[in-house]
Amino acid sequence: MTNILLQAQQGGGGMMMLLMMVAIFAIMYFFMIRPQQKQQKEIRNFQNQLQEGMAVIVGSGIYGTVKSVDLAKGTVDVKIAKDTVITVAKSAVFKDMVNTPTQK
């Protein structure tokens, strides 16, 4: 009789372990994976809406203004100084400088 009770308790513990693992995965999905996917989607939408004259921040931390966008090559010309224009990959432009809070 005691042996049957021990086996029943052990079987239930395996099911609880499985439920705990599922719960942990669900928590990680909703607090880590899903927000990151949402942020990446927003960045892609921003990159697809780049227009001449937009103030942007390039991934390397360079601030500038979009001079032109070449969709065929996937590049963006960014003016960073009076007579200085650099060409970067469209995927390297990731923030709108106008909507970025500044620190004082």
N, C-alpha and C. Protein backbone atom coordinates (compact mmCIF):
# COMPACT_ATOMS: atom_id res chain seq x y z
N MET A 1 0.82 -1.19 0.00
CA MET A 1 0.00 0.00 0.00
C MET A 1 0.87 1.27 0.00
N THR A 2 1.89 1.27 0.83
CA THR A 2 2.79 2.41 0.90
C THR A 2 3.52 2.61 -0.42
N ASN A 3 3.88 1.53 -1.06
CA ASN A 3 4.57 1.59 -2.33
C ASN A 3 3.70 2.25 -3.40
N ILE A 4 2.42 1.99 -3.41
CA ILE A 4 1.48 2.58 -4.38
C ILE A 4 1.35 4.08 -4.14
N LEU A 5 1.30 4.51 -2.89
CA LEU A 5 1.21 5.93 -2.57
C LEU A 5 2.47 6.68 -3.00
N LEU A 6 3.63 6.08 -2.80
CA LEU A 6 4.88 6.72 -3.21
C LEU A 6 4.94 6.89 -4.73
N GLN A 7 4.50 5.89 -5.46
CA GLN A 7 4.50 5.97 -6.92
C GLN A 7 3.52 7.05 -7.40
N ALA A 8 2.39 7.17 -6.76
CA ALA A 8 1.40 8.19 -7.13
C ALA A 8 1.95 9.59 -6.89
N GLN A 9 2.67 9.77 -5.77
CA GLN A 9 3.25 11.08 -5.46
C GLN A 9 4.35 11.43 -6.46
N GLN A 10 5.16 10.48 -6.85
CA GLN A 10 6.23 10.73 -7.80
C GLN A 10 5.67 11.08 -9.18
N GLY A 11 4.63 10.44 -9.60
CA GLY A 11 4.00 10.73 -10.89
C GLY A 11 3.43 12.13 -10.93
N GLY A 12 2.82 12.57 -9.86
CA GLY A 12 2.26 13.92 -9.77
C GLY A 12 3.35 14.97 -9.76
N GLY A 13 4.50 14.65 -9.19
CA GLY A 13 5.61 15.60 -9.16
C GLY A 13 6.16 15.87 -10.54
N GLY A 14 6.16 14.86 -11.40
CA GLY A 14 6.62 15.04 -12.78
C GLY A 14 5.71 15.98 -13.55
N MET A 15 4.42 15.86 -13.29
CA MET A 15 3.45 16.73 -13.96
C MET A 15 3.61 18.18 -13.47
N MET A 16 3.87 18.34 -12.18
CA MET A 16 4.09 19.68 -11.63
C MET A 16 5.35 20.31 -12.23
N MET A 17 6.38 19.49 -12.40
CA MET A 17 7.63 19.98 -12.99
C MET A 17 7.38 20.46 -14.42
N LEU A 18 6.60 19.72 -15.16
CA LEU A 18 6.27 20.09 -16.54
C LEU A 18 5.48 21.41 -16.57
N LEU A 19 4.51 21.53 -15.67
CA LEU A 19 3.73 22.77 -15.60
C LEU A 19 4.62 23.96 -15.23
N MET A 20 5.56 23.76 -14.33
CA MET A 20 6.48 24.84 -13.94
C MET A 20 7.35 25.26 -15.13
N MET A 21 7.83 24.30 -15.89
CA MET A 21 8.66 24.61 -17.06
C MET A 21 7.86 25.41 -18.09
N VAL A 22 6.61 25.01 -18.33
CA VAL A 22 5.75 25.73 -19.26
C VAL A 22 5.50 27.14 -18.76
N ALA A 23 5.25 27.30 -17.46
CA ALA A 23 5.02 28.61 -16.88
C ALA A 23 6.25 29.51 -17.02
N ILE A 24 7.41 28.96 -16.78
CA ILE A 24 8.65 29.75 -16.90
C ILE A 24 8.86 30.19 -18.34
N PHE A 25 8.63 29.29 -19.29
CA PHE A 25 8.77 29.66 -20.70
C PHE A 25 7.78 30.76 -21.08
N ALA A 26 6.54 30.65 -20.62
CA ALA A 26 5.52 31.66 -20.93
C ALA A 26 5.91 33.02 -20.36
N ILE A 27 6.41 33.03 -19.14
CA ILE A 27 6.84 34.29 -18.52
C ILE A 27 7.99 34.90 -19.31
N MET A 28 8.98 34.09 -19.69
CA MET A 28 10.11 34.60 -20.47
C MET A 28 9.64 35.14 -21.82
N TYR A 29 8.69 34.46 -22.44
CA TYR A 29 8.19 34.91 -23.74
C TYR A 29 7.54 36.28 -23.62
N PHE A 30 6.65 36.45 -22.64
CA PHE A 30 5.91 37.70 -22.54
C PHE A 30 6.72 38.85 -21.98
N PHE A 31 7.77 38.59 -21.21
CA PHE A 31 8.56 39.68 -20.64
C PHE A 31 9.88 39.94 -21.37
N MET A 32 10.35 39.01 -22.20
CA MET A 32 11.64 39.21 -22.86
C MET A 32 11.54 39.11 -24.39
N ILE A 33 11.03 38.04 -24.90
CA ILE A 33 11.05 37.80 -26.34
C ILE A 33 10.06 38.69 -27.08
N ARG A 34 8.84 38.75 -26.61
CA ARG A 34 7.80 39.52 -27.30
C ARG A 34 8.11 41.02 -27.36
N PRO A 35 8.54 41.67 -26.27
CA PRO A 35 8.89 43.09 -26.36
C PRO A 35 10.05 43.35 -27.32
N GLN A 36 11.02 42.45 -27.36
CA GLN A 36 12.15 42.62 -28.26
C GLN A 36 11.70 42.52 -29.71
N GLN A 37 10.82 41.59 -30.01
CA GLN A 37 10.30 41.45 -31.37
C GLN A 37 9.51 42.71 -31.77
N LYS A 38 8.76 43.25 -30.83
CA LYS A 38 7.99 44.47 -31.08
C LYS A 38 8.92 45.64 -31.39
N GLN A 39 10.01 45.76 -30.62
CA GLN A 39 10.97 46.84 -30.83
C GLN A 39 11.66 46.70 -32.19
N GLN A 40 12.02 45.48 -32.58
CA GLN A 40 12.65 45.26 -33.87
C GLN A 40 11.70 45.61 -35.01
N LYS A 41 10.43 45.32 -34.84
CA LYS A 41 9.44 45.66 -35.86
C LYS A 41 9.31 47.18 -36.01
N GLU A 42 9.33 47.91 -34.89
CA GLU A 42 9.27 49.37 -34.93
C GLU A 42 10.48 49.95 -35.63
N ILE A 43 11.67 49.39 -35.39
CA ILE A 43 12.89 49.87 -36.03
C ILE A 43 12.81 49.62 -37.54
N ARG A 44 12.36 48.43 -37.95
CA ARG A 44 12.22 48.13 -39.38
C ARG A 44 11.24 49.09 -40.05
N ASN A 45 10.11 49.37 -39.39
CA ASN A 45 9.14 50.32 -39.94
C ASN A 45 9.76 51.70 -40.08
N PHE A 46 10.53 52.13 -39.08
CA PHE A 46 11.21 53.43 -39.15
C PHE A 46 12.19 53.46 -40.32
N GLN A 47 12.97 52.39 -40.50
CA GLN A 47 13.95 52.34 -41.58
C GLN A 47 13.27 52.38 -42.95
N ASN A 48 12.11 51.78 -43.05
CA ASN A 48 11.38 51.79 -44.33
C ASN A 48 10.74 53.15 -44.62
N GLN A 49 10.62 54.02 -43.63
CA GLN A 49 10.00 55.33 -43.80
C GLN A 49 11.02 56.46 -43.85
N LEU A 50 12.31 56.12 -43.99
CA LEU A 50 13.35 57.16 -44.04
C LEU A 50 13.11 58.08 -45.23
N GLN A 51 13.25 59.39 -44.97
CA GLN A 51 13.06 60.39 -46.01
C GLN A 51 14.16 61.43 -45.92
N GLU A 52 14.39 62.10 -47.00
CA GLU A 52 15.40 63.15 -47.05
C GLU A 52 15.05 64.24 -46.03
N GLY A 53 16.07 64.69 -45.29
CA GLY A 53 15.89 65.76 -44.33
C GLY A 53 15.63 65.29 -42.90
N MET A 54 15.43 63.99 -42.69
CA MET A 54 15.18 63.48 -41.34
C MET A 54 16.47 63.50 -40.53
N ALA A 55 16.37 63.95 -39.28
CA ALA A 55 17.51 63.91 -38.37
C ALA A 55 17.53 62.53 -37.73
N VAL A 56 18.67 61.83 -37.87
CA VAL A 56 18.75 60.44 -37.41
C VAL A 56 20.03 60.19 -36.62
N ILE A 57 20.05 59.03 -35.98
CA ILE A 57 21.24 58.54 -35.29
C ILE A 57 21.60 57.21 -35.94
N VAL A 58 22.86 57.10 -36.38
CA VAL A 58 23.36 55.87 -36.97
C VAL A 58 23.79 54.95 -35.84
N GLY A 59 23.80 53.65 -36.09
CA GLY A 59 24.13 52.65 -35.08
C GLY A 59 25.45 52.88 -34.36
N SER A 60 26.39 53.53 -35.01
CA SER A 60 27.69 53.79 -34.40
C SER A 60 27.66 55.02 -33.49
N GLY A 61 26.51 55.68 -33.40
CA GLY A 61 26.38 56.84 -32.53
C GLY A 61 26.57 58.17 -33.25
N ILE A 62 26.65 58.14 -34.55
CA ILE A 62 26.83 59.36 -35.34
C ILE A 62 25.47 60.00 -35.58
N TYR A 63 25.40 61.31 -35.29
CA TYR A 63 24.18 62.08 -35.53
C TYR A 63 24.30 62.72 -36.90
N GLY A 64 23.19 62.78 -37.64
CA GLY A 64 23.22 63.40 -38.94
C GLY A 64 21.84 63.58 -39.51
N THR A 65 21.83 64.04 -40.76
CA THR A 65 20.59 64.29 -41.48
C THR A 65 20.60 63.46 -42.75
N VAL A 66 19.48 62.81 -43.05
CA VAL A 66 19.39 61.97 -44.25
C VAL A 66 19.46 62.87 -45.48
N LYS A 67 20.44 62.59 -46.33
CA LYS A 67 20.61 63.33 -47.58
C LYS A 67 19.86 62.64 -48.71
N SER A 68 19.98 61.30 -48.78
CA SER A 68 19.25 60.53 -49.79
C SER A 68 19.14 59.08 -49.36
N VAL A 69 18.16 58.38 -49.92
CA VAL A 69 17.94 56.97 -49.63
C VAL A 69 17.95 56.20 -50.95
N ASP A 70 18.77 55.16 -51.02
CA ASP A 70 18.83 54.31 -52.21
C ASP A 70 18.26 52.95 -51.84
N LEU A 71 16.99 52.73 -52.22
CA LEU A 71 16.32 51.48 -51.86
C LEU A 71 16.91 50.29 -52.60
N ALA A 72 17.38 50.48 -53.82
CA ALA A 72 17.94 49.37 -54.60
C ALA A 72 19.20 48.82 -53.94
N LYS A 73 20.05 49.70 -53.45
CA LYS A 73 21.30 49.28 -52.80
C LYS A 73 21.11 49.05 -51.30
N GLY A 74 20.04 49.58 -50.74
CA GLY A 74 19.81 49.46 -49.30
C GLY A 74 20.74 50.35 -48.49
N THR A 75 21.07 51.53 -49.06
CA THR A 75 21.98 52.46 -48.38
C THR A 75 21.30 53.81 -48.15
N VAL A 76 21.89 54.55 -47.23
CA VAL A 76 21.41 55.89 -46.90
C VAL A 76 22.62 56.81 -46.85
N ASP A 77 22.54 57.96 -47.51
CA ASP A 77 23.58 58.98 -47.42
C ASP A 77 23.19 59.91 -46.28
N VAL A 78 24.08 60.05 -45.29
CA VAL A 78 23.82 60.85 -44.11
C VAL A 78 24.82 62.00 -44.05
N LYS A 79 24.31 63.22 -43.97
CA LYS A 79 25.16 64.40 -43.84
C LYS A 79 25.48 64.59 -42.36
N ILE A 80 26.79 64.54 -42.02
CA ILE A 80 27.19 64.63 -40.62
C ILE A 80 27.91 65.93 -40.30
N ALA A 81 28.32 66.67 -41.32
CA ALA A 81 28.97 67.98 -41.14
C ALA A 81 28.69 68.80 -42.40
N LYS A 82 29.21 70.03 -42.43
CA LYS A 82 28.91 70.94 -43.52
C LYS A 82 29.14 70.32 -44.90
N ASP A 83 30.30 69.79 -45.16
CA ASP A 83 30.61 69.19 -46.46
C ASP A 83 30.94 67.70 -46.34
N THR A 84 30.39 67.04 -45.34
CA THR A 84 30.71 65.63 -45.12
C THR A 84 29.44 64.79 -45.17
N VAL A 85 29.43 63.88 -46.14
CA VAL A 85 28.30 62.96 -46.30
C VAL A 85 28.86 61.54 -46.28
N ILE A 86 28.29 60.69 -45.45
CA ILE A 86 28.72 59.30 -45.39
C ILE A 86 27.59 58.40 -45.89
N THR A 87 27.97 57.27 -46.45
CA THR A 87 26.99 56.30 -46.91
C THR A 87 26.99 55.13 -45.93
N VAL A 88 25.82 54.80 -45.40
CA VAL A 88 25.70 53.71 -44.45
C VAL A 88 24.58 52.78 -44.92
N ALA A 89 24.61 51.56 -44.41
CA ALA A 89 23.53 50.62 -44.69
C ALA A 89 22.24 51.13 -44.05
N LYS A 90 21.14 50.93 -44.73
CA LYS A 90 19.84 51.38 -44.20
C LYS A 90 19.57 50.77 -42.84
N SER A 91 20.03 49.55 -42.63
CA SER A 91 19.80 48.87 -41.35
C SER A 91 20.62 49.47 -40.22
N ALA A 92 21.61 50.33 -40.54
CA ALA A 92 22.43 50.95 -39.50
C ALA A 92 21.77 52.20 -38.92
N VAL A 93 20.76 52.73 -39.61
CA VAL A 93 20.04 53.91 -39.12
C VAL A 93 18.90 53.40 -38.26
N PHE A 94 18.93 53.75 -36.96
CA PHE A 94 17.93 53.12 -36.10
C PHE A 94 17.16 54.06 -35.20
N LYS A 95 17.45 55.35 -35.20
CA LYS A 95 16.67 56.24 -34.33
C LYS A 95 16.40 57.56 -35.02
N ASP A 96 15.26 58.11 -34.69
CA ASP A 96 14.87 59.44 -35.13
C ASP A 96 15.38 60.41 -34.08
N MET A 97 16.29 61.29 -34.45
CA MET A 97 16.93 62.19 -33.50
C MET A 97 15.92 63.18 -32.91
N VAL A 98 14.90 63.52 -33.65
CA VAL A 98 13.90 64.49 -33.17
C VAL A 98 13.13 63.93 -31.98
N ASN A 99 12.81 62.63 -32.02
CA ASN A 99 12.00 62.02 -30.97
C ASN A 99 12.84 61.36 -29.88
N THR A 100 14.15 61.56 -29.88
CA THR A 100 15.04 60.97 -28.88
C THR A 100 15.27 61.96 -27.76
N PRO A 101 15.00 61.59 -26.51
CA PRO A 101 15.24 62.52 -25.40
C PRO A 101 16.72 62.77 -25.23
N THR A 102 17.06 64.02 -24.91
CA THR A 102 18.47 64.37 -24.70
C THR A 102 18.74 64.49 -23.22
N GLN A 103 19.99 64.22 -22.85
CA GLN A 103 20.40 64.35 -21.45
C GLN A 103 21.08 65.70 -21.27
N LYS A 104 20.85 66.32 -20.12
CA LYS A 104 21.49 67.62 -19.85
C LYS A 104 22.41 67.51 -18.69
